[in-house]
């Protein structure tokens, strides 16, 4: 089975990671999204605006957050992981996954959009 999930998902050991993010009515315009994020292993120099919007929830029952938590837990049971990226771009993040979760089989095969242009006949991609 092949499933894709976005990068930057918090570890299952900390499902409440977003509850500490101070959000309120004008957080989109007051600079709050420029707050540095230091809890995403292997990804330095990022801020809240770089993460998917469902990470900015203060609702512990947010459906997308719990869906992504379940997806990460499933990924940790996999024999291998495939990333839609290339190693030179995200070497630090890929190495963090290898060392933190002891994954020997990690493949970066992207960007998939370029592979599609080169290897998938136009009749199949439309």
PDB file of N, CA and C in Angstrom:
ATOM      1  N   UNK A   1       0.843  -1.180   0.000  1.00  0.00           N
ATOM      2  CA  UNK A   1       0.000   0.000   0.000  1.00  0.00           C
ATOM      3  C   UNK A   1       0.885   1.240   0.000  1.00  0.00           C
ATOM      4  N   UNK A   2       0.487   2.238  -0.747  1.00  0.00           N
ATOM      5  CA  UNK A   2       1.246   3.478  -0.854  1.00  0.00           C
ATOM      6  C   UNK A   2       0.383   4.614  -0.338  1.00  0.00           C
ATOM      7  N   UNK A   3       0.853   5.325   0.672  1.00  0.00           N
ATOM      8  CA  UNK A   3       0.117   6.433   1.250  1.00  0.00           C
ATOM      9  C   UNK A   3       1.041   7.628   1.342  1.00  0.00           C
ATOM     10  N   UNK A   4       0.515   8.804   1.162  1.00  0.00           N
ATOM     11  CA  UNK A   4       1.345   9.996   1.305  1.00  0.00           C
ATOM     12  C   UNK A   4       0.840  10.833   2.461  1.00  0.00           C
ATOM     13  N   UNK A   5       1.773  11.456   3.164  1.00  0.00           N
ATOM     14  CA  UNK A   5       1.437  12.385   4.235  1.00  0.00           C
ATOM     15  C   UNK A   5       2.343  13.593   4.107  1.00  0.00           C
ATOM     16  N   UNK A   6       1.918  14.764   4.593  1.00  0.00           N
ATOM     17  CA  UNK A   6       2.760  15.941   4.511  1.00  0.00           C
ATOM     18  C   UNK A   6       3.952  15.863   5.452  1.00  0.00           C
ATOM     19  N   UNK A   7       4.995  16.610   5.135  1.00  0.00           N
ATOM     20  CA  UNK A   7       6.172  16.682   5.994  1.00  0.00           C
ATOM     21  C   UNK A   7       5.845  17.454   7.265  1.00  0.00           C
ATOM     22  N   UNK A   8       6.665  17.250   8.260  1.00  0.00           N
ATOM     23  CA  UNK A   8       6.596  18.067   9.461  1.00  0.00           C
ATOM     24  C   UNK A   8       5.581  17.626  10.476  1.00  0.00           C
ATOM     25  N   UNK A   9       5.071  16.421  10.393  1.00  0.00           N
ATOM     26  CA  UNK A   9       4.069  15.958  11.340  1.00  0.00           C
ATOM     27  C   UNK A   9       4.723  15.677  12.686  1.00  0.00           C
ATOM     28  N   UNK A  10       4.114  16.138  13.791  1.00  0.00           N
ATOM     29  CA  UNK A  10       4.707  15.890  15.104  1.00  0.00           C
ATOM     30  C   UNK A  10       4.726  14.400  15.416  1.00  0.00           C
ATOM     31  N   UNK A  11       5.626  13.974  16.273  1.00  0.00           N
ATOM     32  CA  UNK A  11       5.695  12.564  16.630  1.00  0.00           C
ATOM     33  C   UNK A  11       4.469  12.127  17.418  1.00  0.00           C
ATOM     34  N   UNK A  12       4.068  10.855  17.301  1.00  0.00           N
ATOM     35  CA  UNK A  12       2.908  10.362  18.041  1.00  0.00           C
ATOM     36  C   UNK A  12       3.067  10.487  19.547  1.00  0.00           C
ATOM     37  N   UNK A  13       4.295  10.549  20.022  1.00  0.00           N
ATOM     38  CA  UNK A  13       4.527  10.675  21.460  1.00  0.00           C
ATOM     39  C   UNK A  13       4.093  12.036  22.004  1.00  0.00           C
ATOM     40  N   UNK A  14       3.829  13.007  21.110  1.00  0.00           N
ATOM     41  CA  UNK A  14       3.427  14.340  21.537  1.00  0.00           C
ATOM     42  C   UNK A  14       2.234  14.820  20.717  1.00  0.00           C
ATOM     43  N   UNK A  15       1.059  14.172  20.890  1.00  0.00           N
ATOM     44  CA  UNK A  15      -0.098  14.518  20.073  1.00  0.00           C
ATOM     45  C   UNK A  15      -0.651  15.907  20.345  1.00  0.00           C
ATOM     46  N   UNK A  16      -0.256  16.513  21.449  1.00  0.00           N
ATOM     47  CA  UNK A  16      -0.779  17.829  21.804  1.00  0.00           C
ATOM     48  C   UNK A  16       0.196  18.953  21.478  1.00  0.00           C
ATOM     49  N   UNK A  17       1.118  18.713  20.571  1.00  0.00           N
ATOM     50  CA  UNK A  17       2.173  19.679  20.280  1.00  0.00           C
ATOM     51  C   UNK A  17       1.631  21.042  19.897  1.00  0.00           C
ATOM     52  N   UNK A  18       0.483  21.109  19.242  1.00  0.00           N
ATOM     53  CA  UNK A  18      -0.022  22.406  18.798  1.00  0.00           C
ATOM     54  C   UNK A  18      -0.743  23.174  19.885  1.00  0.00           C
ATOM     55  N   UNK A  19      -1.027  22.586  21.012  1.00  0.00           N
ATOM     56  CA  UNK A  19      -1.800  23.280  22.038  1.00  0.00           C
ATOM     57  C   UNK A  19      -1.036  24.436  22.675  1.00  0.00           C
ATOM     58  N   UNK A  20       0.263  24.480  22.496  1.00  0.00           N
ATOM     59  CA  UNK A  20       1.044  25.569  23.064  1.00  0.00           C
ATOM     60  C   UNK A  20       1.175  26.765  22.125  1.00  0.00           C
ATOM     61  N   UNK A  21       0.600  26.679  20.946  1.00  0.00           N
ATOM     62  CA  UNK A  21       0.686  27.767  19.973  1.00  0.00           C
ATOM     63  C   UNK A  21      -0.366  28.820  20.320  1.00  0.00           C
ATOM     64  N   UNK A  22       0.046  30.053  20.604  1.00  0.00           N
ATOM     65  CA  UNK A  22      -0.909  31.089  21.013  1.00  0.00           C
ATOM     66  C   UNK A  22      -1.659  31.680  19.817  1.00  0.00           C
ATOM     67  N   UNK A  23      -2.853  31.215  19.549  1.00  0.00           N
ATOM     68  CA  UNK A  23      -3.617  31.716  18.414  1.00  0.00           C
ATOM     69  C   UNK A  23      -4.845  32.487  18.891  1.00  0.00           C
ATOM     70  N   UNK A  24      -5.189  33.509  18.179  1.00  0.00           N
ATOM     71  CA  UNK A  24      -6.319  34.361  18.489  1.00  0.00           C
ATOM     72  C   UNK A  24      -6.764  35.015  17.190  1.00  0.00           C
ATOM     73  N   UNK A  25      -7.738  35.879  17.239  1.00  0.00           N
ATOM     74  CA  UNK A  25      -8.382  36.397  16.037  1.00  0.00           C
ATOM     75  C   UNK A  25      -7.442  37.006  15.000  1.00  0.00           C
ATOM     76  N   UNK A  26      -6.449  37.754  15.390  1.00  0.00           N
ATOM     77  CA  UNK A  26      -5.610  38.449  14.418  1.00  0.00           C
ATOM     78  C   UNK A  26      -4.227  37.811  14.240  1.00  0.00           C
ATOM     79  N   UNK A  27      -4.082  36.518  14.552  1.00  0.00           N
ATOM     80  CA  UNK A  27      -2.770  35.872  14.454  1.00  0.00           C
ATOM     81  C   UNK A  27      -2.232  35.827  13.025  1.00  0.00           C
ATOM     82  N   UNK A  28      -3.107  35.938  12.024  1.00  0.00           N
ATOM     83  CA  UNK A  28      -2.655  35.894  10.634  1.00  0.00           C
ATOM     84  C   UNK A  28      -1.917  37.164  10.218  1.00  0.00           C
ATOM     85  N   UNK A  29      -2.174  38.253  10.915  1.00  0.00           N
ATOM     86  CA  UNK A  29      -1.610  39.536  10.494  1.00  0.00           C
ATOM     87  C   UNK A  29      -0.688  40.195  11.516  1.00  0.00           C
ATOM     88  N   UNK A  30      -0.589  39.663  12.720  1.00  0.00           N
ATOM     89  CA  UNK A  30       0.174  40.360  13.770  1.00  0.00           C
ATOM     90  C   UNK A  30       1.602  39.851  13.964  1.00  0.00           C
ATOM     91  N   UNK A  31       2.069  38.934  13.104  1.00  0.00           N
ATOM     92  CA  UNK A  31       3.434  38.424  13.219  1.00  0.00           C
ATOM     93  C   UNK A  31       3.558  37.125  13.991  1.00  0.00           C
ATOM     94  N   UNK A  32       2.462  36.634  14.559  1.00  0.00           N
ATOM     95  CA  UNK A  32       2.506  35.377  15.311  1.00  0.00           C
ATOM     96  C   UNK A  32       3.029  34.231  14.455  1.00  0.00           C
ATOM     97  N   UNK A  33       2.696  34.221  13.173  1.00  0.00           N
ATOM     98  CA  UNK A  33       3.123  33.122  12.306  1.00  0.00           C
ATOM     99  C   UNK A  33       4.625  33.125  12.047  1.00  0.00           C
ATOM    100  N   UNK A  34       5.310  34.193  12.457  1.00  0.00           N
ATOM    101  CA  UNK A  34       6.763  34.242  12.335  1.00  0.00           C
ATOM    102  C   UNK A  34       7.461  33.603  13.541  1.00  0.00           C
ATOM    103  N   UNK A  35       6.675  33.094  14.511  1.00  0.00           N
ATOM    104  CA  UNK A  35       7.236  32.447  15.699  1.00  0.00           C
ATOM    105  C   UNK A  35       8.078  31.239  15.291  1.00  0.00           C
ATOM    106  N   UNK A  36       9.335  31.170  15.739  1.00  0.00           N
ATOM    107  CA  UNK A  36      10.180  30.025  15.394  1.00  0.00           C
ATOM    108  C   UNK A  36       9.629  28.719  15.964  1.00  0.00           C
ATOM    109  N   UNK A  37       9.802  27.647  15.223  1.00  0.00           N
ATOM    110  CA  UNK A  37       9.392  26.314  15.649  1.00  0.00           C
ATOM    111  C   UNK A  37      10.660  25.491  15.816  1.00  0.00           C
ATOM    112  N   UNK A  38      10.877  24.961  17.023  1.00  0.00           N
ATOM    113  CA  UNK A  38      12.093  24.181  17.261  1.00  0.00           C
ATOM    114  C   UNK A  38      11.809  22.726  17.610  1.00  0.00           C
ATOM    115  N   UNK A  39      10.550  22.281  17.466  1.00  0.00           N
ATOM    116  CA  UNK A  39      10.203  20.912  17.841  1.00  0.00           C
ATOM    117  C   UNK A  39      10.050  19.971  16.647  1.00  0.00           C
ATOM    118  N   UNK A  40      10.396  20.395  15.451  1.00  0.00           N
ATOM    119  CA  UNK A  40      10.345  19.506  14.286  1.00  0.00           C
ATOM    120  C   UNK A  40      11.764  19.016  14.031  1.00  0.00           C
ATOM    121  N   UNK A  41      12.016  17.773  14.386  1.00  0.00           N
ATOM    122  CA  UNK A  41      13.352  17.199  14.288  1.00  0.00           C
ATOM    123  C   UNK A  41      13.907  17.272  12.875  1.00  0.00           C
ATOM    124  N   UNK A  42      15.119  17.754  12.756  1.00  0.00           N
ATOM    125  CA  UNK A  42      15.797  17.797  11.467  1.00  0.00           C
ATOM    126  C   UNK A  42      15.420  18.965  10.584  1.00  0.00           C
ATOM    127  N   UNK A  43      14.569  19.846  11.074  1.00  0.00           N
ATOM    128  CA  UNK A  43      14.165  20.999  10.266  1.00  0.00           C
ATOM    129  C   UNK A  43      14.422  22.263  11.065  1.00  0.00           C
ATOM    130  N   UNK A  44      15.568  22.858  10.837  1.00  0.00           N
ATOM    131  CA  UNK A  44      15.896  24.082  11.547  1.00  0.00           C
ATOM    132  C   UNK A  44      15.405  25.299  10.793  1.00  0.00           C
ATOM    133  N   UNK A  45      15.365  26.417  11.487  1.00  0.00           N
ATOM    134  CA  UNK A  45      15.036  27.698  10.879  1.00  0.00           C
ATOM    135  C   UNK A  45      13.675  27.716  10.180  1.00  0.00           C
ATOM    136  N   UNK A  46      12.649  27.159  10.844  1.00  0.00           N
ATOM    137  CA  UNK A  46      11.294  27.237  10.301  1.00  0.00           C
ATOM    138  C   UNK A  46      10.405  27.963  11.302  1.00  0.00           C
ATOM    139  N   UNK A  47       9.280  28.455  10.828  1.00  0.00           N
ATOM    140  CA  UNK A  47       8.334  29.161  11.687  1.00  0.00           C
ATOM    141  C   UNK A  47       6.939  28.570  11.499  1.00  0.00           C
ATOM    142  N   UNK A  48       5.990  29.052  12.288  1.00  0.00           N
ATOM    143  CA  UNK A  48       4.621  28.527  12.219  1.00  0.00           C
ATOM    144  C   UNK A  48       4.036  28.627  10.820  1.00  0.00           C
ATOM    145  N   UNK A  49       4.374  29.676  10.085  1.00  0.00           N
ATOM    146  CA  UNK A  49       3.796  29.844   8.747  1.00  0.00           C
ATOM    147  C   UNK A  49       4.279  28.775   7.766  1.00  0.00           C
ATOM    148  N   UNK A  50       5.375  28.069   8.096  1.00  0.00           N
ATOM    149  CA  UNK A  50       5.901  27.028   7.227  1.00  0.00           C
ATOM    150  C   UNK A  50       5.200  25.681   7.416  1.00  0.00           C
ATOM    151  N   UNK A  51       4.408  25.550   8.459  1.00  0.00           N
ATOM    152  CA  UNK A  51       3.721  24.292   8.757  1.00  0.00           C
ATOM    153  C   UNK A  51       2.306  24.295   8.184  1.00  0.00           C
ATOM    154  N   UNK A  52       1.752  23.107   7.927  1.00  0.00           N
ATOM    155  CA  UNK A  52       0.359  23.039   7.469  1.00  0.00           C
ATOM    156  C   UNK A  52      -0.578  23.718   8.477  1.00  0.00           C
ATOM    157  N   UNK A  53      -1.653  24.290   7.997  1.00  0.00           N
ATOM    158  CA  UNK A  53      -2.535  25.095   8.859  1.00  0.00           C
ATOM    159  C   UNK A  53      -3.130  24.304  10.014  1.00  0.00           C
ATOM    160  N   UNK A  54      -3.346  22.996   9.872  1.00  0.00           N
ATOM    161  CA  UNK A  54      -3.963  22.262  10.975  1.00  0.00           C
ATOM    162  C   UNK A  54      -3.031  22.122  12.187  1.00  0.00           C
ATOM    163  N   UNK A  55      -1.749  22.443  12.037  1.00  0.00           N
ATOM    164  CA  UNK A  55      -0.845  22.452  13.186  1.00  0.00           C
ATOM    165  C   UNK A  55      -1.104  23.654  14.075  1.00  0.00           C
ATOM    166  N   UNK A  56      -1.799  24.639  13.559  1.00  0.00           N
ATOM    167  CA  UNK A  56      -2.028  25.865  14.308  1.00  0.00           C
ATOM    168  C   UNK A  56      -3.325  25.820  15.104  1.00  0.00           C
ATOM    169  N   UNK A  57      -3.858  24.671  15.303  1.00  0.00           N
ATOM    170  CA  UNK A  57      -5.111  24.549  16.043  1.00  0.00           C
ATOM    171  C   UNK A  57      -4.879  24.618  17.547  1.00  0.00           C
ATOM    172  N   UNK A  58      -5.856  25.107  18.268  1.00  0.00           N
ATOM    173  CA  UNK A  58      -5.838  25.035  19.727  1.00  0.00           C
ATOM    174  C   UNK A  58      -6.922  24.089  20.216  1.00  0.00           C
ATOM    175  N   UNK A  59      -7.582  23.435  19.272  1.00  0.00           N
ATOM    176  CA  UNK A  59      -8.647  22.490  19.595  1.00  0.00           C
ATOM    177  C   UNK A  59      -8.066  21.081  19.677  1.00  0.00           C
ATOM    178  N   UNK A  60      -8.001  20.482  20.867  1.00  0.00           N
ATOM    179  CA  UNK A  60      -7.411  19.147  20.994  1.00  0.00           C
ATOM    180  C   UNK A  60      -8.202  18.052  20.273  1.00  0.00           C
ATOM    181  N   UNK A  61      -9.399  18.376  19.815  1.00  0.00           N
ATOM    182  CA  UNK A  61     -10.211  17.386  19.099  1.00  0.00           C
ATOM    183  C   UNK A  61     -10.215  17.620  17.594  1.00  0.00           C
ATOM    184  N   UNK A  62      -9.311  18.459  17.106  1.00  0.00           N
ATOM    185  CA  UNK A  62      -9.236  18.766  15.683  1.00  0.00           C
ATOM    186  C   UNK A  62      -9.096  17.483  14.869  1.00  0.00           C
ATOM    187  N   UNK A  63      -9.995  17.281  13.914  1.00  0.00           N
ATOM    188  CA  UNK A  63     -10.036  16.026  13.164  1.00  0.00           C
ATOM    189  C   UNK A  63      -8.801  15.819  12.296  1.00  0.00           C
ATOM    190  N   UNK A  64      -8.290  16.864  11.660  1.00  0.00           N
ATOM    191  CA  UNK A  64      -7.109  16.713  10.814  1.00  0.00           C
ATOM    192  C   UNK A  64      -5.872  16.372  11.635  1.00  0.00           C
ATOM    193  N   UNK A  65      -5.766  16.980  12.791  1.00  0.00           N
ATOM    194  CA  UNK A  65      -4.615  16.686  13.639  1.00  0.00           C
ATOM    195  C   UNK A  65      -4.612  15.224  14.052  1.00  0.00           C
ATOM    196  N   UNK A  66      -5.756  14.706  14.440  1.00  0.00           N
ATOM    197  CA  UNK A  66      -5.835  13.302  14.857  1.00  0.00           C
ATOM    198  C   UNK A  66      -5.692  12.350  13.671  1.00  0.00           C
ATOM    199  N   UNK A  67      -6.158  12.768  12.509  1.00  0.00           N
ATOM    200  CA  UNK A  67      -5.945  11.953  11.309  1.00  0.00           C
ATOM    201  C   UNK A  67      -4.451  11.835  11.025  1.00  0.00           C
ATOM    202  N   UNK A  68      -3.735  12.956  11.074  1.00  0.00           N
ATOM    203  CA  UNK A  68      -2.310  12.934  10.802  1.00  0.00           C
ATOM    204  C   UNK A  68      -1.542  12.147  11.868  1.00  0.00           C
ATOM    205  N   UNK A  69      -1.985  12.227  13.104  1.00  0.00           N
ATOM    206  CA  UNK A  69      -1.367  11.443  14.179  1.00  0.00           C
ATOM    207  C   UNK A  69      -1.473   9.956  13.852  1.00  0.00           C
ATOM    208  N   UNK A  70      -2.642   9.509  13.419  1.00  0.00           N
ATOM    209  CA  UNK A  70      -2.830   8.103  13.052  1.00  0.00           C
ATOM    210  C   UNK A  70      -1.957   7.726  11.860  1.00  0.00           C
ATOM    211  N   UNK A  71      -1.819   8.624  10.900  1.00  0.00           N
ATOM    212  CA  UNK A  71      -0.974   8.358   9.727  1.00  0.00           C
ATOM    213  C   UNK A  71       0.491   8.190  10.126  1.00  0.00           C
ATOM    214  N   UNK A  72       0.962   9.034  11.026  1.00  0.00           N
ATOM    215  CA  UNK A  72       2.351   8.931  11.487  1.00  0.00           C
ATOM    216  C   UNK A  72       2.559   7.611  12.221  1.00  0.00           C
ATOM    217  N   UNK A  73       1.603   7.240  13.067  1.00  0.00           N
ATOM    218  CA  UNK A  73       1.720   5.964  13.775  1.00  0.00           C
ATOM    219  C   UNK A  73       1.791   4.798  12.788  1.00  0.00           C
ATOM    220  N   UNK A  74       1.010   4.853  11.713  1.00  0.00           N
ATOM    221  CA  UNK A  74       1.069   3.805  10.684  1.00  0.00           C
ATOM    222  C   UNK A  74       2.424   3.806   9.979  1.00  0.00           C
ATOM    223  N   UNK A  75       2.958   4.982   9.716  1.00  0.00           N
ATOM    224  CA  UNK A  75       4.271   5.068   9.052  1.00  0.00           C
ATOM    225  C   UNK A  75       5.360   4.428   9.898  1.00  0.00           C
ATOM    226  N   UNK A  76       5.252   4.567  11.205  1.00  0.00           N
ATOM    227  CA  UNK A  76       6.265   3.990  12.083  1.00  0.00           C
ATOM    228  C   UNK A  76       6.244   2.467  12.068  1.00  0.00           C
ATOM    229  N   UNK A  77       5.179   1.871  11.547  1.00  0.00           N
ATOM    230  CA  UNK A  77       5.082   0.411  11.425  1.00  0.00           C
ATOM    231  C   UNK A  77       5.583  -0.083  10.067  1.00  0.00           C
ATOM    232  N   UNK A  78       5.888   0.819   9.168  1.00  0.00           N
ATOM    233  CA  UNK A  78       6.281   0.458   7.800  1.00  0.00           C
ATOM    234  C   UNK A  78       7.692  -0.123   7.768  1.00  0.00           C
ATOM    235  N   UNK A  79       7.965  -0.898   6.724  1.00  0.00           N
ATOM    236  CA  UNK A  79       9.314  -1.430   6.520  1.00  0.00           C
ATOM    237  C   UNK A  79      10.206  -0.424   5.802  1.00  0.00           C
ATOM    238  N   UNK A  80       9.599   0.514   5.098  1.00  0.00           N
ATOM    239  CA  UNK A  80      10.351   1.530   4.362  1.00  0.00           C
ATOM    240  C   UNK A  80       9.486   2.780   4.227  1.00  0.00           C
ATOM    241  N   UNK A  81      10.131   3.909   4.010  1.00  0.00           N
ATOM    242  CA  UNK A  81       9.438   5.174   3.794  1.00  0.00           C
ATOM    243  C   UNK A  81       9.913   5.788   2.486  1.00  0.00           C
ATOM    244  N   UNK A  82       8.968   6.358   1.748  1.00  0.00           N
ATOM    245  CA  UNK A  82       9.282   7.046   0.498  1.00  0.00           C
ATOM    246  C   UNK A  82       8.895   8.514   0.675  1.00  0.00           C
ATOM    247  N   UNK A  83       9.842   9.406   0.393  1.00  0.00           N
ATOM    248  CA  UNK A  83       9.594  10.837   0.520  1.00  0.00           C
ATOM    249  C   UNK A  83       9.552  11.484  -0.855  1.00  0.00           C
ATOM    250  N   UNK A  84       8.594  12.382  -1.036  1.00  0.00           N
ATOM    251  CA  UNK A  84       8.478  13.142  -2.272  1.00  0.00           C
ATOM    252  C   UNK A  84       9.417  14.343  -2.182  1.00  0.00           C
ATOM    253  N   UNK A  85      10.701  14.054  -2.250  1.00  0.00           N
ATOM    254  CA  UNK A  85      11.729  15.071  -2.143  1.00  0.00           C
ATOM    255  C   UNK A  85      13.007  14.493  -2.724  1.00  0.00           C
ATOM    256  N   UNK A  86      14.083  15.230  -2.640  1.00  0.00           N
ATOM    257  CA  UNK A  86      15.372  14.655  -3.013  1.00  0.00           C
ATOM    258  C   UNK A  86      16.361  14.946  -1.902  1.00  0.00           C
ATOM    259  N   UNK A  87      17.272  14.011  -1.720  1.00  0.00           N
ATOM    260  CA  UNK A  87      18.143  14.021  -0.548  1.00  0.00           C
ATOM    261  C   UNK A  87      18.941  15.306  -0.391  1.00  0.00           C
ATOM    262  N   UNK A  88      19.421  15.873  -1.474  1.00  0.00           N
ATOM    263  CA  UNK A  88      20.230  17.087  -1.381  1.00  0.00           C
ATOM    264  C   UNK A  88      19.440  18.255  -0.781  1.00  0.00           C
ATOM    265  N   UNK A  89      18.145  18.269  -0.985  1.00  0.00           N
ATOM    266  CA  UNK A  89      17.316  19.356  -0.469  1.00  0.00           C
ATOM    267  C   UNK A  89      17.023  19.197   1.020  1.00  0.00           C
ATOM    268  N   UNK A  90      16.724  17.995   1.444  1.00  0.00           N
ATOM    269  CA  UNK A  90      16.291  17.775   2.824  1.00  0.00           C
ATOM    270  C   UNK A  90      17.132  16.721   3.536  1.00  0.00           C
ATOM    271  N   UNK A  91      18.417  16.749   3.308  1.00  0.00           N
ATOM    272  CA  UNK A  91      19.309  15.760   3.883  1.00  0.00           C
ATOM    273  C   UNK A  91      19.222  15.718   5.409  1.00  0.00           C
ATOM    274  N   UNK A  92      19.179  16.865   6.053  1.00  0.00           N
ATOM    275  CA  UNK A  92      19.130  16.921   7.518  1.00  0.00           C
ATOM    276  C   UNK A  92      17.848  16.277   8.051  1.00  0.00           C
ATOM    277  N   UNK A  93      16.714  16.579   7.436  1.00  0.00           N
ATOM    278  CA  UNK A  93      15.436  16.006   7.882  1.00  0.00           C
ATOM    279  C   UNK A  93      15.389  14.503   7.635  1.00  0.00           C
ATOM    280  N   UNK A  94      15.862  14.056   6.487  1.00  0.00           N
ATOM    281  CA  UNK A  94      15.865  12.623   6.192  1.00  0.00           C
ATOM    282  C   UNK A  94      16.773  11.868   7.155  1.00  0.00           C
ATOM    283  N   UNK A  95      17.928  12.428   7.452  1.00  0.00           N
ATOM    284  CA  UNK A  95      18.845  11.789   8.396  1.00  0.00           C
ATOM    285  C   UNK A  95      18.244  11.745   9.797  1.00  0.00           C
ATOM    286  N   UNK A  96      17.479  12.760  10.167  1.00  0.00           N
ATOM    287  CA  UNK A  96      16.820  12.767  11.477  1.00  0.00           C
ATOM    288  C   UNK A  96      15.818  11.623  11.580  1.00  0.00           C
ATOM    289  N   UNK A  97      15.093  11.358  10.506  1.00  0.00           N
ATOM    290  CA  UNK A  97      14.136  10.249  10.508  1.00  0.00           C
ATOM    291  C   UNK A  97      14.878   8.924  10.656  1.00  0.00           C
ATOM    292  N   UNK A  98      15.981   8.778   9.939  1.00  0.00           N
ATOM    293  CA  UNK A  98      16.773   7.549  10.024  1.00  0.00           C
ATOM    294  C   UNK A  98      17.266   7.328  11.449  1.00  0.00           C
ATOM    295  N   UNK A  99      17.841   8.354  12.054  1.00  0.00           N
ATOM    296  CA  UNK A  99      18.432   8.179  13.381  1.00  0.00           C
ATOM    297  C   UNK A  99      17.390   8.128  14.496  1.00  0.00           C
ATOM    298  N   UNK A 100      16.365   8.952  14.424  1.00  0.00           N
ATOM    299  CA  UNK A 100      15.382   9.004  15.509  1.00  0.00           C
ATOM    300  C   UNK A 100      14.474   7.779  15.530  1.00  0.00           C
ATOM    301  N   UNK A 101      14.091   7.297  14.363  1.00  0.00           N
ATOM    302  CA  UNK A 101      13.145   6.186  14.309  1.00  0.00           C
ATOM    303  C   UNK A 101      13.781   4.881  13.840  1.00  0.00           C
ATOM    304  N   UNK A 102      15.111   4.887  13.650  1.00  0.00           N
ATOM    305  CA  UNK A 102      15.841   3.685  13.262  1.00  0.00           C
ATOM    306  C   UNK A 102      15.294   3.063  11.981  1.00  0.00           C
ATOM    307  N   UNK A 103      15.051   3.897  10.978  1.00  0.00           N
ATOM    308  CA  UNK A 103      14.561   3.440   9.679  1.00  0.00           C
ATOM    309  C   UNK A 103      15.737   3.242   8.738  1.00  0.00           C
ATOM    310  N   UNK A 104      16.065   2.002   8.395  1.00  0.00           N
ATOM    311  CA  UNK A 104      17.176   1.797   7.467  1.00  0.00           C
ATOM    312  C   UNK A 104      16.780   2.049   6.017  1.00  0.00           C
ATOM    313  N   UNK A 105      15.507   1.867   5.692  1.00  0.00           N
ATOM    314  CA  UNK A 105      15.066   1.962   4.303  1.00  0.00           C
ATOM    315  C   UNK A 105      14.233   3.222   4.077  1.00  0.00           C
ATOM    316  N   UNK A 106      14.917   4.287   3.695  1.00  0.00           N
ATOM    317  CA  UNK A 106      14.264   5.549   3.372  1.00  0.00           C
ATOM    318  C   UNK A 106      14.681   5.917   1.954  1.00  0.00           C
ATOM    319  N   UNK A 107      13.677   6.239   1.154  1.00  0.00           N
ATOM    320  CA  UNK A 107      13.935   6.572  -0.243  1.00  0.00           C
ATOM    321  C   UNK A 107      13.367   7.944  -0.551  1.00  0.00           C
ATOM    322  N   UNK A 108      14.181   8.807  -1.103  1.00  0.00           N
ATOM    323  CA  UNK A 108      13.695  10.105  -1.565  1.00  0.00           C
ATOM    324  C   UNK A 108      13.686  10.023  -3.089  1.00  0.00           C
ATOM    325  N   UNK A 109      12.495  10.090  -3.658  1.00  0.00           N
ATOM    326  CA  UNK A 109      12.351   9.832  -5.096  1.00  0.00           C
ATOM    327  C   UNK A 109      11.774  11.013  -5.853  1.00  0.00           C
ATOM    328  N   UNK A 110      11.678  12.139  -5.228  1.00  0.00           N
ATOM    329  CA  UNK A 110      10.985  13.238  -5.861  1.00  0.00           C
ATOM    330  C   UNK A 110      11.911  14.206  -6.567  1.00  0.00           C
ATOM    331  N   UNK A 111      11.310  15.264  -6.989  1.00  0.00           N
ATOM    332  CA  UNK A 111       9.885  15.552  -6.870  1.00  0.00           C
ATOM    333  C   UNK A 111       9.058  14.718  -7.845  1.00  0.00           C
ATOM    334  N   UNK A 112       7.972  14.162  -7.326  1.00  0.00           N
ATOM    335  CA  UNK A 112       7.133  13.275  -8.129  1.00  0.00           C
ATOM    336  C   UNK A 112       6.558  13.962  -9.359  1.00  0.00           C
ATOM    337  N   UNK A 113       6.316  15.263  -9.268  1.00  0.00           N
ATOM    338  CA  UNK A 113       5.763  15.967 -10.429  1.00  0.00           C
ATOM    339  C   UNK A 113       6.721  15.905 -11.624  1.00  0.00           C
ATOM    340  N   UNK A 114       8.030  15.961 -11.362  1.00  0.00           N
ATOM    341  CA  UNK A 114       8.998  15.857 -12.454  1.00  0.00           C
ATOM    342  C   UNK A 114       9.082  14.429 -12.996  1.00  0.00           C
ATOM    343  N   UNK A 115       8.963  13.442 -12.101  1.00  0.00           N
ATOM    344  CA  UNK A 115       8.971  12.048 -12.548  1.00  0.00           C
ATOM    345  C   UNK A 115       7.757  11.760 -13.425  1.00  0.00           C
ATOM    346  N   UNK A 116       6.619  12.337 -13.039  1.00  0.00           N
ATOM    347  CA  UNK A 116       5.404  12.138 -13.830  1.00  0.00           C
ATOM    348  C   UNK A 116       5.589  12.691 -15.245  1.00  0.00           C
ATOM    349  N   UNK A 117       6.159  13.876 -15.345  1.00  0.00           N
ATOM    350  CA  UNK A 117       6.369  14.496 -16.663  1.00  0.00           C
ATOM    351  C   UNK A 117       7.271  13.645 -17.542  1.00  0.00           C
ATOM    352  N   UNK A 118       8.233  12.975 -16.934  1.00  0.00           N
ATOM    353  CA  UNK A 118       9.208  12.215 -17.703  1.00  0.00           C
ATOM    354  C   UNK A 118       8.770  10.782 -17.999  1.00  0.00           C
ATOM    355  N   UNK A 119       8.029  10.135 -17.081  1.00  0.00           N
ATOM    356  CA  UNK A 119       7.775   8.705 -17.190  1.00  0.00           C
ATOM    357  C   UNK A 119       6.318   8.289 -17.380  1.00  0.00           C
ATOM    358  N   UNK A 120       5.383   9.202 -17.221  1.00  0.00           N
ATOM    359  CA  UNK A 120       3.964   8.850 -17.350  1.00  0.00           C
ATOM    360  C   UNK A 120       3.435   9.408 -18.653  1.00  0.00           C
ATOM    361  N   UNK A 121       2.866   8.529 -19.514  1.00  0.00           N
ATOM    362  CA  UNK A 121       2.304   9.038 -20.780  1.00  0.00           C
ATOM    363  C   UNK A 121       1.222  10.090 -20.523  1.00  0.00           C
ATOM    364  N   UNK A 122       1.175  11.107 -21.356  1.00  0.00           N
ATOM    365  CA  UNK A 122       0.199  12.197 -21.170  1.00  0.00           C
ATOM    366  C   UNK A 122      -1.230  11.682 -21.098  1.00  0.00           C
ATOM    367  N   UNK A 123      -1.534  10.616 -21.824  1.00  0.00           N
ATOM    368  CA  UNK A 123      -2.897  10.078 -21.821  1.00  0.00           C
ATOM    369  C   UNK A 123      -3.293   9.564 -20.436  1.00  0.00           C
ATOM    370  N   UNK A 124      -2.328   9.154 -19.611  1.00  0.00           N
ATOM    371  CA  UNK A 124      -2.627   8.669 -18.268  1.00  0.00           C
ATOM    372  C   UNK A 124      -2.639   9.762 -17.222  1.00  0.00           C
ATOM    373  N   UNK A 125      -1.955  10.850 -17.479  1.00  0.00           N
ATOM    374  CA  UNK A 125      -1.842  11.907 -16.466  1.00  0.00           C
ATOM    375  C   UNK A 125      -2.900  12.999 -16.604  1.00  0.00           C
ATOM    376  N   UNK A 126      -3.771  12.894 -17.593  1.00  0.00           N
ATOM    377  CA  UNK A 126      -4.807  13.924 -17.763  1.00  0.00           C
ATOM    378  C   UNK A 126      -6.089  13.535 -17.104  1.00  0.00           C
TER     379      UNK A 126
END
